PDB file of N, CA and C in Angstrom:
ATOM      1  N   UNK A   1     -80.179-109.710  10.065  1.00  0.00           N
ATOM      2  CA  UNK A   1     -79.610-111.027  10.254  1.00  0.00           C
ATOM      3  C   UNK A   1     -79.758-111.428  11.726  1.00  0.00           C
ATOM      4  N   UNK A   2     -79.947-112.688  11.902  1.00  0.00           N
ATOM      5  CA  UNK A   2     -80.070-113.190  13.264  1.00  0.00           C
ATOM      6  C   UNK A   2     -78.673-113.400  13.852  1.00  0.00           C
ATOM      7  N   UNK A   3     -78.628-113.581  15.148  1.00  0.00           N
ATOM      8  CA  UNK A   3     -77.347-113.822  15.815  1.00  0.00           C
ATOM      9  C   UNK A   3     -76.706-115.123  15.339  1.00  0.00           C
ATOM     10  N   UNK A   4     -77.531-116.129  15.072  1.00  0.00           N
ATOM     11  CA  UNK A   4     -77.001-117.402  14.571  1.00  0.00           C
ATOM     12  C   UNK A   4     -76.320-117.225  13.218  1.00  0.00           C
ATOM     13  N   UNK A   5     -76.937-116.449  12.356  1.00  0.00           N
ATOM     14  CA  UNK A   5     -76.372-116.199  11.026  1.00  0.00           C
ATOM     15  C   UNK A   5     -75.060-115.438  11.142  1.00  0.00           C
ATOM     16  N   UNK A   6     -75.024-114.443  12.000  1.00  0.00           N
ATOM     17  CA  UNK A   6     -73.789-113.675  12.200  1.00  0.00           C
ATOM     18  C   UNK A   6     -72.678-114.572  12.743  1.00  0.00           C
ATOM     19  N   UNK A   7     -73.026-115.432  13.658  1.00  0.00           N
ATOM     20  CA  UNK A   7     -72.039-116.348  14.235  1.00  0.00           C
ATOM     21  C   UNK A   7     -71.520-117.321  13.174  1.00  0.00           C
ATOM     22  N   UNK A   8     -72.403-117.810  12.325  1.00  0.00           N
ATOM     23  CA  UNK A   8     -71.986-118.713  11.248  1.00  0.00           C
ATOM     24  C   UNK A   8     -71.067-118.004  10.251  1.00  0.00           C
ATOM     25  N   UNK A   9     -71.383-116.783   9.922  1.00  0.00           N
ATOM     26  CA  UNK A   9     -70.553-115.999   9.003  1.00  0.00           C
ATOM     27  C   UNK A   9     -69.166-115.791   9.606  1.00  0.00           C
ATOM     28  N   UNK A  10     -69.126-115.491  10.885  1.00  0.00           N
ATOM     29  CA  UNK A  10     -67.855-115.302  11.577  1.00  0.00           C
ATOM     30  C   UNK A  10     -67.040-116.598  11.560  1.00  0.00           C
ATOM     31  N   UNK A  11     -67.692-117.711  11.812  1.00  0.00           N
ATOM     32  CA  UNK A  11     -67.002-119.005  11.819  1.00  0.00           C
ATOM     33  C   UNK A  11     -66.490-119.362  10.421  1.00  0.00           C
ATOM     34  N   UNK A  12     -67.274-119.097   9.399  1.00  0.00           N
ATOM     35  CA  UNK A  12     -66.844-119.370   8.019  1.00  0.00           C
ATOM     36  C   UNK A  12     -65.607-118.535   7.686  1.00  0.00           C
ATOM     37  N   UNK A  13     -65.580-117.288   8.074  1.00  0.00           N
ATOM     38  CA  UNK A  13     -64.406-116.426   7.825  1.00  0.00           C
ATOM     39  C   UNK A  13     -63.179-116.974   8.540  1.00  0.00           C
ATOM     40  N   UNK A  14     -63.397-117.408   9.768  1.00  0.00           N
ATOM     41  CA  UNK A  14     -62.291-117.973  10.541  1.00  0.00           C
ATOM     42  C   UNK A  14     -61.757-119.244   9.861  1.00  0.00           C
ATOM     43  N   UNK A  15     -62.647-120.105   9.431  1.00  0.00           N
ATOM     44  CA  UNK A  15     -62.240-121.346   8.765  1.00  0.00           C
ATOM     45  C   UNK A  15     -61.529-121.065   7.445  1.00  0.00           C
ATOM     46  N   UNK A  16     -61.970-120.068   6.724  1.00  0.00           N
ATOM     47  CA  UNK A  16     -61.298-119.704   5.464  1.00  0.00           C
ATOM     48  C   UNK A  16     -59.869-119.240   5.735  1.00  0.00           C
ATOM     49  N   UNK A  17     -59.685-118.480   6.804  1.00  0.00           N
ATOM     50  CA  UNK A  17     -58.344-118.017   7.159  1.00  0.00           C
ATOM     51  C   UNK A  17     -57.464-119.202   7.555  1.00  0.00           C
ATOM     52  N   UNK A  18     -58.006-120.119   8.318  1.00  0.00           N
ATOM     53  CA  UNK A  18     -57.239-121.313   8.683  1.00  0.00           C
ATOM     54  C   UNK A  18     -56.871-122.131   7.447  1.00  0.00           C
ATOM     55  N   UNK A  19     -57.801-122.271   6.547  1.00  0.00           N
ATOM     56  CA  UNK A  19     -57.539-123.006   5.312  1.00  0.00           C
ATOM     57  C   UNK A  19     -56.438-122.330   4.495  1.00  0.00           C
ATOM     58  N   UNK A  20     -56.452-121.021   4.437  1.00  0.00           N
ATOM     59  CA  UNK A  20     -55.407-120.273   3.726  1.00  0.00           C
ATOM     60  C   UNK A  20     -54.041-120.548   4.349  1.00  0.00           C
ATOM     61  N   UNK A  21     -53.990-120.553   5.673  1.00  0.00           N
ATOM     62  CA  UNK A  21     -52.723-120.820   6.356  1.00  0.00           C
ATOM     63  C   UNK A  21     -52.246-122.245   6.119  1.00  0.00           C
ATOM     64  N   UNK A  22     -53.157-123.186   6.127  1.00  0.00           N
ATOM     65  CA  UNK A  22     -52.796-124.581   5.864  1.00  0.00           C
ATOM     66  C   UNK A  22     -52.262-124.729   4.442  1.00  0.00           C
ATOM     67  N   UNK A  23     -52.865-124.055   3.499  1.00  0.00           N
ATOM     68  CA  UNK A  23     -52.384-124.108   2.106  1.00  0.00           C
ATOM     69  C   UNK A  23     -50.963-123.574   2.012  1.00  0.00           C
ATOM     70  N   UNK A  24     -50.665-122.494   2.735  1.00  0.00           N
ATOM     71  CA  UNK A  24     -49.312-121.940   2.720  1.00  0.00           C
ATOM     72  C   UNK A  24     -48.308-122.943   3.270  1.00  0.00           C
ATOM     73  N   UNK A  25     -48.679-123.617   4.358  1.00  0.00           N
ATOM     74  CA  UNK A  25     -47.789-124.616   4.954  1.00  0.00           C
ATOM     75  C   UNK A  25     -47.571-125.774   3.986  1.00  0.00           C
ATOM     76  N   UNK A  26     -48.631-126.259   3.377  1.00  0.00           N
ATOM     77  CA  UNK A  26     -48.517-127.372   2.429  1.00  0.00           C
ATOM     78  C   UNK A  26     -47.645-126.957   1.240  1.00  0.00           C
ATOM     79  N   UNK A  27     -47.848-125.767   0.727  1.00  0.00           N
ATOM     80  CA  UNK A  27     -47.026-125.293  -0.396  1.00  0.00           C
ATOM     81  C   UNK A  27     -45.552-125.221  -0.009  1.00  0.00           C
ATOM     82  N   UNK A  28     -45.276-124.759   1.203  1.00  0.00           N
ATOM     83  CA  UNK A  28     -43.892-124.700   1.675  1.00  0.00           C
ATOM     84  C   UNK A  28     -43.292-126.091   1.779  1.00  0.00           C
ATOM     85  N   UNK A  29     -44.059-127.037   2.313  1.00  0.00           N
ATOM     86  CA  UNK A  29     -43.565-128.405   2.441  1.00  0.00           C
ATOM     87  C   UNK A  29     -43.313-129.043   1.076  1.00  0.00           C
ATOM     88  N   UNK A  30     -44.197-128.809   0.137  1.00  0.00           N
ATOM     89  CA  UNK A  30     -44.012-129.343  -1.217  1.00  0.00           C
ATOM     90  C   UNK A  30     -42.744-128.762  -1.832  1.00  0.00           C
ATOM     91  N   UNK A  31     -42.528-127.482  -1.630  1.00  0.00           N
ATOM     92  CA  UNK A  31     -41.332-126.841  -2.169  1.00  0.00           C
ATOM     93  C   UNK A  31     -40.066-127.436  -1.550  1.00  0.00           C
ATOM     94  N   UNK A  32     -40.086-127.695  -0.251  1.00  0.00           N
ATOM     95  CA  UNK A  32     -38.927-128.295   0.417  1.00  0.00           C
ATOM     96  C   UNK A  32     -38.661-129.688  -0.141  1.00  0.00           C
ATOM     97  N   UNK A  33     -39.700-130.478  -0.317  1.00  0.00           N
ATOM     98  CA  UNK A  33     -39.537-131.833  -0.840  1.00  0.00           C
ATOM     99  C   UNK A  33     -38.992-131.792  -2.266  1.00  0.00           C
ATOM    100  N   UNK A  34     -39.488-130.872  -3.063  1.00  0.00           N
ATOM    101  CA  UNK A  34     -38.998-130.758  -4.443  1.00  0.00           C
ATOM    102  C   UNK A  34     -37.524-130.377  -4.456  1.00  0.00           C
ATOM    103  N   UNK A  35     -37.108-129.484  -3.561  1.00  0.00           N
ATOM    104  CA  UNK A  35     -35.703-129.093  -3.493  1.00  0.00           C
ATOM    105  C   UNK A  35     -34.845-130.271  -3.042  1.00  0.00           C
ATOM    106  N   UNK A  36     -35.339-131.049  -2.098  1.00  0.00           N
ATOM    107  CA  UNK A  36     -34.594-132.222  -1.637  1.00  0.00           C
ATOM    108  C   UNK A  36     -34.448-133.233  -2.762  1.00  0.00           C
ATOM    109  N   UNK A  37     -35.474-133.380  -3.583  1.00  0.00           N
ATOM    110  CA  UNK A  37     -35.444-134.309  -4.700  1.00  0.00           C
ATOM    111  C   UNK A  37     -34.368-133.903  -5.709  1.00  0.00           C
ATOM    112  N   UNK A  38     -34.161-132.612  -5.884  1.00  0.00           N
ATOM    113  CA  UNK A  38     -33.125-132.137  -6.802  1.00  0.00           C
ATOM    114  C   UNK A  38     -31.749-132.575  -6.319  1.00  0.00           C
ATOM    115  N   UNK A  39     -31.521-132.542  -5.015  1.00  0.00           N
ATOM    116  CA  UNK A  39     -30.223-132.933  -4.472  1.00  0.00           C
ATOM    117  C   UNK A  39     -30.003-134.429  -4.566  1.00  0.00           C
ATOM    118  N   UNK A  40     -31.049-135.222  -4.505  1.00  0.00           N
ATOM    119  CA  UNK A  40     -30.903-136.675  -4.595  1.00  0.00           C
ATOM    120  C   UNK A  40     -30.478-137.113  -5.985  1.00  0.00           C
ATOM    121  N   UNK A  41     -30.732-136.304  -6.992  1.00  0.00           N
ATOM    122  CA  UNK A  41     -30.341-136.639  -8.349  1.00  0.00           C
ATOM    123  C   UNK A  41     -28.831-136.534  -8.543  1.00  0.00           C
ATOM    124  N   UNK A  42     -28.165-135.770  -7.685  1.00  0.00           N
ATOM    125  CA  UNK A  42     -26.724-135.600  -7.792  1.00  0.00           C
ATOM    126  C   UNK A  42     -26.028-136.752  -7.081  1.00  0.00           C
ATOM    127  N   UNK A  43     -24.945-137.280  -7.658  1.00  0.00           N
ATOM    128  CA  UNK A  43     -24.231-138.372  -6.980  1.00  0.00           C
ATOM    129  C   UNK A  43     -23.568-137.872  -5.703  1.00  0.00           C
ATOM    130  N   UNK A  44     -23.531-138.732  -4.689  1.00  0.00           N
ATOM    131  CA  UNK A  44     -22.902-138.340  -3.432  1.00  0.00           C
ATOM    132  C   UNK A  44     -21.389-138.323  -3.562  1.00  0.00           C
ATOM    133  N   UNK A  45     -20.846-139.216  -4.407  1.00  0.00           N
ATOM    134  CA  UNK A  45     -19.408-139.293  -4.594  1.00  0.00           C
ATOM    135  C   UNK A  45     -19.121-139.161  -6.084  1.00  0.00           C
ATOM    136  N   UNK A  46     -18.031-138.515  -6.420  1.00  0.00           N
ATOM    137  CA  UNK A  46     -17.713-138.392  -7.854  1.00  0.00           C
ATOM    138  C   UNK A  46     -17.352-139.757  -8.433  1.00  0.00           C
ATOM    139  N   UNK A  47     -17.661-139.934  -9.702  1.00  0.00           N
ATOM    140  CA  UNK A  47     -17.330-141.211 -10.357  1.00  0.00           C
ATOM    141  C   UNK A  47     -15.824-141.288 -10.577  1.00  0.00           C
ATOM    142  N   UNK A  48     -15.331-142.490 -10.688  1.00  0.00           N
ATOM    143  CA  UNK A  48     -13.905-142.692 -10.891  1.00  0.00           C
ATOM    144  C   UNK A  48     -13.533-142.335 -12.322  1.00  0.00           C
ATOM    145  N   UNK A  49     -12.454-141.610 -12.491  1.00  0.00           N
ATOM    146  CA  UNK A  49     -12.068-141.226 -13.863  1.00  0.00           C
ATOM    147  C   UNK A  49     -11.607-142.446 -14.662  1.00  0.00           C
ATOM    148  N   UNK A  50     -12.065-142.564 -15.886  1.00  0.00           N
ATOM    149  CA  UNK A  50     -11.634-143.617 -16.800  1.00  0.00           C
ATOM    150  C   UNK A  50     -12.270-144.964 -16.550  1.00  0.00           C
ATOM    151  N   UNK A  51     -13.090-145.083 -15.542  1.00  0.00           N
ATOM    152  CA  UNK A  51     -13.707-146.378 -15.248  1.00  0.00           C
ATOM    153  C   UNK A  51     -15.097-146.142 -14.678  1.00  0.00           C
ATOM    154  N   UNK A  52     -16.032-146.964 -15.082  1.00  0.00           N
ATOM    155  CA  UNK A  52     -17.394-146.862 -14.565  1.00  0.00           C
ATOM    156  C   UNK A  52     -17.622-147.803 -13.397  1.00  0.00           C
ATOM    157  N   UNK A  53     -16.693-148.738 -13.161  1.00  0.00           N
ATOM    158  CA  UNK A  53     -16.858-149.671 -12.061  1.00  0.00           C
ATOM    159  C   UNK A  53     -15.781-149.421 -11.006  1.00  0.00           C
ATOM    160  N   UNK A  54     -16.098-149.665  -9.747  1.00  0.00           N
ATOM    161  CA  UNK A  54     -15.103-149.457  -8.694  1.00  0.00           C
ATOM    162  C   UNK A  54     -14.005-150.508  -8.776  1.00  0.00           C
ATOM    163  N   UNK A  55     -12.838-150.220  -8.244  1.00  0.00           N
ATOM    164  CA  UNK A  55     -11.738-151.205  -8.293  1.00  0.00           C
ATOM    165  C   UNK A  55     -12.081-152.438  -7.459  1.00  0.00           C
ATOM    166  N   UNK A  56     -11.575-153.592  -7.891  1.00  0.00           N
ATOM    167  CA  UNK A  56     -11.809-154.832  -7.190  1.00  0.00           C
ATOM    168  C   UNK A  56     -10.555-155.177  -6.389  1.00  0.00           C
ATOM    169  N   UNK A  57     -10.704-155.428  -5.100  1.00  0.00           N
ATOM    170  CA  UNK A  57      -9.573-155.730  -4.244  1.00  0.00           C
ATOM    171  C   UNK A  57      -9.445-157.223  -3.956  1.00  0.00           C
ATOM    172  N   UNK A  58     -10.389-158.015  -4.403  1.00  0.00           N
ATOM    173  CA  UNK A  58     -10.378-159.447  -4.137  1.00  0.00           C
ATOM    174  C   UNK A  58     -10.085-160.240  -5.411  1.00  0.00           C
ATOM    175  N   UNK A  59      -9.005-159.971  -6.070  1.00  0.00           N
ATOM    176  CA  UNK A  59      -8.669-160.679  -7.312  1.00  0.00           C
ATOM    177  C   UNK A  59      -7.958-161.950  -7.042  1.00  0.00           C
TER     178      UNK A  59
END
């Protein structure tokens, strides 16, 4: 193999490793977003017992 070929092989290996690391980061970010989405489905405040609408103070 020529020196150019060896250098290209080395660069391809390096790029594959970088790509693997980027995939791990993206997977972690997707997992975080999915977990955050689960929390958004839960109400921030409990609903009022016996009524679905909040009380009106301007009657």
